C-alpha atoms as a PDB file:
ATOM      1  CA  MET A   1     -13.783  13.820   0.214  1.00  0.00           C
ATOM      2  CA  SER A   2     -13.933  16.910   1.983  1.00  0.00           C
ATOM      3  CA  LYS A   3     -13.950  20.037   0.060  1.00  0.00           C
ATOM      4  CA  ARG A   4     -10.978  21.288   2.182  1.00  0.00           C
ATOM      5  CA  GLU A   5      -8.851  18.354   1.789  1.00  0.00           C
ATOM      6  CA  LYS A   6      -5.808  18.583  -0.096  1.00  0.00           C
ATOM      7  CA  THR A   7      -5.115  16.722  -3.274  1.00  0.00           C
ATOM      8  CA  VAL A   8      -1.944  15.618  -5.021  1.00  0.00           C
ATOM      9  CA  THR A   9      -1.601  15.173  -8.821  1.00  0.00           C
ATOM     10  CA  ARG A  10      -0.384  11.596  -9.975  1.00  0.00           C
ATOM     11  CA  SER A  11       0.087   9.993 -13.049  1.00  0.00           C
ATOM     12  CA  PHE A  12      -0.707   6.150 -13.603  1.00  0.00           C
ATOM     13  CA  ARG A  13      -0.552   4.078 -16.461  1.00  0.00           C
ATOM     14  CA  ILE A  14      -3.927   1.738 -17.078  1.00  0.00           C
ATOM     15  CA  SER A  15      -5.125  -0.743 -19.765  1.00  0.00           C
ATOM     16  CA  GLU A  16      -7.056   1.105 -22.267  1.00  0.00           C
ATOM     17  CA  SER A  17     -10.087  -1.639 -21.667  1.00  0.00           C
ATOM     18  CA  ALA A  18      -9.892  -0.064 -18.088  1.00  0.00           C
ATOM     19  CA  PHE A  19      -9.740   3.097 -19.047  1.00  0.00           C
ATOM     20  CA  LYS A  20     -12.759   3.099 -21.509  1.00  0.00           C
ATOM     21  CA  ALA A  21     -14.928   1.024 -18.842  1.00  0.00           C
ATOM     22  CA  LEU A  22     -13.982   3.927 -16.444  1.00  0.00           C
ATOM     23  CA  GLU A  23     -15.157   6.528 -19.046  1.00  0.00           C
ATOM     24  CA  GLU A  24     -18.551   4.595 -19.774  1.00  0.00           C
ATOM     25  CA  ASP A  25     -19.221   4.091 -15.732  1.00  0.00           C
ATOM     26  CA  ALA A  26     -18.688   7.906 -15.460  1.00  0.00           C
ATOM     27  CA  SER A  27     -20.649   9.158 -18.338  1.00  0.00           C
ATOM     28  CA  GLN A  28     -23.722   6.942 -16.972  1.00  0.00           C
ATOM     29  CA  ARG A  29     -23.134   8.381 -13.533  1.00  0.00           C
ATOM     30  CA  ASN A  30     -22.737  11.965 -15.026  1.00  0.00           C
ATOM     31  CA  ILE A  31     -19.273  12.261 -13.504  1.00  0.00           C
ATOM     32  CA  SER A  32     -15.824  13.038 -14.396  1.00  0.00           C
ATOM     33  CA  VAL A  33     -13.437   9.858 -14.860  1.00  0.00           C
ATOM     34  CA  ASN A  34     -11.264  11.763 -12.242  1.00  0.00           C
ATOM     35  CA  THR A  35     -14.089  12.057  -9.726  1.00  0.00           C
ATOM     36  CA  LEU A  36     -14.838   8.158 -10.572  1.00  0.00           C
ATOM     37  CA  VAL A  37     -11.332   7.200  -9.900  1.00  0.00           C
ATOM     38  CA  ASN A  38     -11.170   9.272  -6.616  1.00  0.00           C
ATOM     39  CA  GLN A  39     -14.443   7.259  -5.421  1.00  0.00           C
ATOM     40  CA  LEU A  40     -12.758   3.932  -6.284  1.00  0.00           C
ATOM     41  CA  LEU A  41      -9.721   5.076  -4.503  1.00  0.00           C
ATOM     42  CA  LEU A  42     -11.672   6.190  -1.267  1.00  0.00           C
ATOM     43  CA  ALA A  43     -13.721   3.229  -1.186  1.00  0.00           C
ATOM     44  CA  HIS A  44     -10.553   0.927  -1.357  1.00  0.00           C
ATOM     45  CA  THR A  45      -8.305   2.913   1.220  1.00  0.00           C
ATOM     46  CA  ASN A  46     -11.232   3.593   3.506  1.00  0.00           C
ATOM     47  CA  ILE A  47     -12.483   0.089   3.788  1.00  0.00           C
ATOM     48  CA  GLY A  48     -11.769  -1.934   0.760  1.00  0.00           C
ATOM     49  CA  ARG A  49      -8.374  -2.843   1.920  1.00  0.00           C
ATOM     50  CA  PHE A  50      -9.345  -4.068   5.358  1.00  0.00           C
ATOM     51  CA  LEU A  51     -12.292  -6.182   4.396  1.00  0.00           C
ATOM     52  CA  ASP A  52      -9.943  -7.740   1.439  1.00  0.00           C
ATOM     53  CA  LYS A  53      -8.059  -9.112   4.438  1.00  0.00           C
ATOM     54  CA  PHE A  54     -11.211 -11.036   5.583  1.00  0.00           C
ATOM     55  CA  GLY A  55     -11.866 -12.850   2.527  1.00  0.00           C
ATOM     56  CA  THR A  56     -15.077 -10.587   1.913  1.00  0.00           C
ATOM     57  CA  ILE A  57     -17.291 -11.422  -0.888  1.00  0.00           C
ATOM     58  CA  ARG A  58     -19.961  -9.106  -2.827  1.00  0.00           C
ATOM     59  CA  MET A  59     -23.394 -10.376  -2.957  1.00  0.00           C
ATOM     60  CA  THR A  60     -26.395  -8.244  -4.228  1.00  0.00           C
ATOM     61  CA  ARG A  61     -28.594  -6.677  -1.714  1.00  0.00           C
ATOM     62  CA  PRO A  62     -31.721  -8.821  -3.066  1.00  0.00           C
ATOM     63  CA  SER A  63     -29.452 -11.992  -2.411  1.00  0.00           C
ATOM     64  CA  PHE A  64     -28.664 -10.798   1.007  1.00  0.00           C
ATOM     65  CA  SER A  65     -32.206  -9.911   1.697  1.00  0.00           C
ATOM     66  CA  LYS A  66     -33.491 -13.681   0.639  1.00  0.00           C
ATOM     67  CA  LEU A  67     -30.484 -15.136   2.505  1.00  0.00           C
ATOM     68  CA  LEU A  68     -31.837 -13.324   5.678  1.00  0.00           C
ATOM     69  CA  ASN A  69     -35.307 -14.066   4.924  1.00  0.00           C
ATOM     70  CA  VAL A  70     -34.681 -18.139   5.257  1.00  0.00           C
ATOM     71  CA  CYS A  71     -33.352 -17.449   8.473  1.00  0.00           C
ATOM     72  CA  THR A  72     -35.111 -17.370  11.749  1.00  0.00           C
ATOM     73  CA  ASP A  73     -34.850 -14.102  14.053  1.00  0.00           C
ATOM     74  CA  THR A  74     -32.729 -15.796  16.470  1.00  0.00           C
ATOM     75  CA  SER A  75     -30.025 -16.952  13.980  1.00  0.00           C
ATOM     76  CA  ILE A  76     -29.753 -13.910  12.530  1.00  0.00           C
ATOM     77  CA  ILE A  77     -29.122 -12.056  15.946  1.00  0.00           C
ATOM     78  CA  GLU A  78     -26.625 -14.625  16.852  1.00  0.00           C
ATOM     79  CA  VAL A  79     -24.524 -14.224  13.427  1.00  0.00           C
ATOM     80  CA  ALA A  80     -24.878 -10.328  13.539  1.00  0.00           C
ATOM     81  CA  ARG A  81     -23.427 -10.335  17.127  1.00  0.00           C
ATOM     82  CA  SER A  82     -20.822 -13.100  16.365  1.00  0.00           C
ATOM     83  CA  VAL A  83     -19.275 -11.580  13.069  1.00  0.00           C
ATOM     84  CA  ALA A  84     -19.491  -7.921  14.702  1.00  0.00           C
ATOM     85  CA  SER A  85     -17.165  -9.354  17.181  1.00  0.00           C
ATOM     86  CA  ASP A  86     -14.111 -10.056  15.133  1.00  0.00           C
ATOM     87  CA  ALA A  87     -13.837  -8.007  11.784  1.00  0.00           C
ATOM     88  CA  PRO A  88     -14.869  -4.317  12.912  1.00  0.00           C
ATOM     89  CA  LYS A  89     -12.526  -4.708  16.268  1.00  0.00           C
ATOM     90  CA  THR A  90      -9.545  -5.764  13.938  1.00  0.00           C
ATOM     91  CA  ILE A  91     -10.435  -3.195  11.105  1.00  0.00           C
ATOM     92  CA  ILE A  92     -10.641  -0.484  13.815  1.00  0.00           C
ATOM     93  CA  LEU A  93      -7.543  -1.082  15.627  1.00  0.00           C
ATOM     94  CA  ALA A  94      -5.417  -1.563  12.170  1.00  0.00           C
ATOM     95  CA  LYS A  95      -6.846   1.702  10.767  1.00  0.00           C
ATOM     96  CA  TYR A  96      -7.074   3.909  14.211  1.00  0.00           C
ATOM     97  CA  GLY A  97      -4.853   2.145  16.731  1.00  0.00           C
ATOM     98  CA  VAL A  98      -7.778   2.608  19.395  1.00  0.00           C
ATOM     99  CA  ILE A  99     -11.200   2.022  19.660  1.00  0.00           C
ATOM    100  CA  SER A 100     -13.406   4.952  20.818  1.00  0.00           C
ATOM    101  CA  LEU A 101     -16.935   6.077  19.807  1.00  0.00           C
ATOM    102  CA  ARG A 102     -15.118   8.538  17.236  1.00  0.00           C
ATOM    103  CA  THR A 103     -13.596   5.429  15.392  1.00  0.00           C
ATOM    104  CA  VAL A 104     -16.455   3.190  15.737  1.00  0.00           C
ATOM    105  CA  LEU A 105     -18.493   5.821  14.075  1.00  0.00           C
ATOM    106  CA  ASP A 106     -16.045   6.138  11.431  1.00  0.00           C
ATOM    107  CA  TYR A 107     -16.151   2.403  10.905  1.00  0.00           C
ATOM    108  CA  ILE A 108     -19.910   2.713  10.513  1.00  0.00           C
ATOM    109  CA  ARG A 109     -19.848   5.819   8.155  1.00  0.00           C
ATOM    110  CA  SER A 110     -17.155   3.727   5.876  1.00  0.00           C
ATOM    111  CA  MET A 111     -19.639   0.472   5.811  1.00  0.00           C
ATOM    112  CA  ASN A 112     -22.346   2.782   4.332  1.00  0.00           C
ATOM    113  CA  ALA A 113     -20.253   5.069   2.343  1.00  0.00           C
ATOM    114  CA  TYR A 114     -18.233   2.535   0.714  1.00  0.00           C
ATOM    115  CA  ALA A 115     -19.744  -1.318   1.330  1.00  0.00           C
ATOM    116  CA  GLY A 116     -23.277  -0.377   0.546  1.00  0.00           C
ATOM    117  CA  TRP A 117     -25.052  -0.947   3.820  1.00  0.00           C
ATOM    118  CA  GLY A 118     -27.268   1.995   3.466  1.00  0.00           C
ATOM    119  CA  ASP A 119     -27.621   5.721   4.024  1.00  0.00           C
ATOM    120  CA  TYR A 120     -25.988   7.091   7.373  1.00  0.00           C
ATOM    121  CA  GLY A 121     -26.986  10.407   8.665  1.00  0.00           C
ATOM    122  CA  GLU A 122     -25.890  11.901  12.059  1.00  0.00           C
ATOM    123  CA  VAL A 123     -27.094  15.143  13.931  1.00  0.00           C
ATOM    124  CA  GLU A 124     -26.643  16.598  17.354  1.00  0.00           C
ATOM    125  CA  SER A 125     -29.724  17.638  19.005  1.00  0.00           C
ATOM    126  CA  GLN A 126     -30.250  18.537  22.702  1.00  0.00           C
ATOM    127  CA  GLY A 127     -27.071  17.205  23.648  1.00  0.00           C
ATOM    128  CA  LYS A 128     -27.503  13.990  22.165  1.00  0.00           C
ATOM    129  CA  LEU A 129     -25.978  12.234  19.116  1.00  0.00           C
ATOM    130  CA  ILE A 130     -28.568  11.051  16.649  1.00  0.00           C
ATOM    131  CA  ILE A 131     -27.450   8.573  13.982  1.00  0.00           C
ATOM    132  CA  THR A 132     -29.794   7.348  11.202  1.00  0.00           C
ATOM    133  CA  GLN A 133     -29.354   4.206   9.348  1.00  0.00           C
ATOM    134  CA  THR A 134     -31.435   3.745   6.423  1.00  0.00           C
ATOM    135  CA  HIS A 135     -31.530   0.285   4.146  1.00  0.00           C
ATOM    136  CA  ASN A 136     -33.743  -1.497   1.603  1.00  0.00           C
ATOM    137  CA  LEU A 137     -33.416  -4.980   3.312  1.00  0.00           C
ATOM    138  CA  GLY A 138     -36.419  -5.113   5.199  1.00  0.00           C
ATOM    139  CA  ARG A 139     -37.148  -6.185   8.637  1.00  0.00           C
ATOM    140  CA  LYS A 140     -34.960  -9.010   8.653  1.00  0.00           C
ATOM    141  CA  GLY A 141     -32.237  -6.421   7.588  1.00  0.00           C
ATOM    142  CA  THR A 142     -33.016  -4.318  10.292  1.00  0.00           C
ATOM    143  CA  LEU A 143     -32.803  -7.159  12.986  1.00  0.00           C
ATOM    144  CA  PHE A 144     -29.390  -7.917  11.261  1.00  0.00           C
ATOM    145  CA  ILE A 145     -27.670  -4.523  11.027  1.00  0.00           C
ATOM    146  CA  SER A 146     -29.201  -3.109  14.522  1.00  0.00           C
ATOM    147  CA  ASN A 147     -27.457  -6.099  16.306  1.00  0.00           C
ATOM    148  CA  TYR A 148     -24.433  -5.902  14.396  1.00  0.00           C
ATOM    149  CA  LEU A 149     -23.752  -2.108  14.908  1.00  0.00           C
ATOM    150  CA  GLU A 150     -25.092  -2.475  18.583  1.00  0.00           C
ATOM    151  CA  SER A 151     -22.114  -5.104  19.011  1.00  0.00           C
ATOM    152  CA  VAL A 152     -19.666  -2.689  17.169  1.00  0.00           C
ATOM    153  CA  PHE A 153     -20.886   0.262  19.625  1.00  0.00           C
ATOM    154  CA  GLY A 154     -20.244  -2.185  22.295  1.00  0.00           C
ATOM    155  CA  LEU A 155     -16.508  -2.448  21.565  1.00  0.00           C
ATOM    156  CA  ALA A 156     -16.344   1.285  22.441  1.00  0.00           C
ATOM    157  CA  ASP A 157     -18.584   0.543  25.598  1.00  0.00           C
ATOM    158  CA  VAL A 158     -21.415   2.633  24.138  1.00  0.00           C
ATOM    159  CA  HIS A 159     -24.746   1.515  24.716  1.00  0.00           C
ATOM    160  CA  PRO A 160     -27.233   3.639  22.507  1.00  0.00           C
ATOM    161  CA  LYS A 161     -30.852   3.958  22.829  1.00  0.00           C
ATOM    162  CA  THR A 162     -32.315   2.034  19.734  1.00  0.00           C
ATOM    163  CA  SER A 163     -35.360   2.878  17.713  1.00  0.00           C
ATOM    164  CA  LEU A 164     -36.348   0.712  14.952  1.00  0.00           C
ATOM    165  CA  SER A 165     -38.584   0.090  11.773  1.00  0.00           C
ATOM    166  CA  GLU A 166     -38.529  -2.268   8.677  1.00  0.00           C
ATOM    167  CA  HIS A 167     -36.171  -0.058   6.773  1.00  0.00           C
ATOM    168  CA  SER A 168     -34.799   2.119   9.538  1.00  0.00           C
ATOM    169  CA  LEU A 169     -32.597   2.321  12.719  1.00  0.00           C
ATOM    170  CA  ILE A 170     -31.991   5.263  14.810  1.00  0.00           C
ATOM    171  CA  PHE A 171     -29.530   5.399  17.530  1.00  0.00           C
ATOM    172  CA  GLU A 172     -29.457   7.906  20.344  1.00  0.00           C
ATOM    173  CA  ILE A 173     -26.337   8.446  22.115  1.00  0.00           C
END
């Protein structure tokens, strides 16, 4: 949440067991229950409610990495490009009504911030937008994410110069 974003005060009734779980989780993260609840609500409103419409399942990173490691590079590329042509377009249009570089970047930021894809960075340098994406899925994770994101950028007719390593991707626009 932006520091300048306006907040509202609301009251909700939740079960005691849910509240105790929130208190425990907040304590472990060294944050307030209010901050944790706000993070959970942001995750839902920014990406979760859209992903739910596609029947999204949760999977641990190690499980996803193992799944990728039994696939051929060719099949990873085909699947990444295929899945990037459907859900992202629908989510971006549902959320913003238009596909543009700005809305594609917001989708990618949301997938990183709220769906656990990795760490996202963005900086302007010498008239270019440099986007970095780091993850812990290994070489085949980079293969999947790079092809997925290149296809998502393609929805906005943007074709960045891409540099890859085992745990990172750099897009130059």
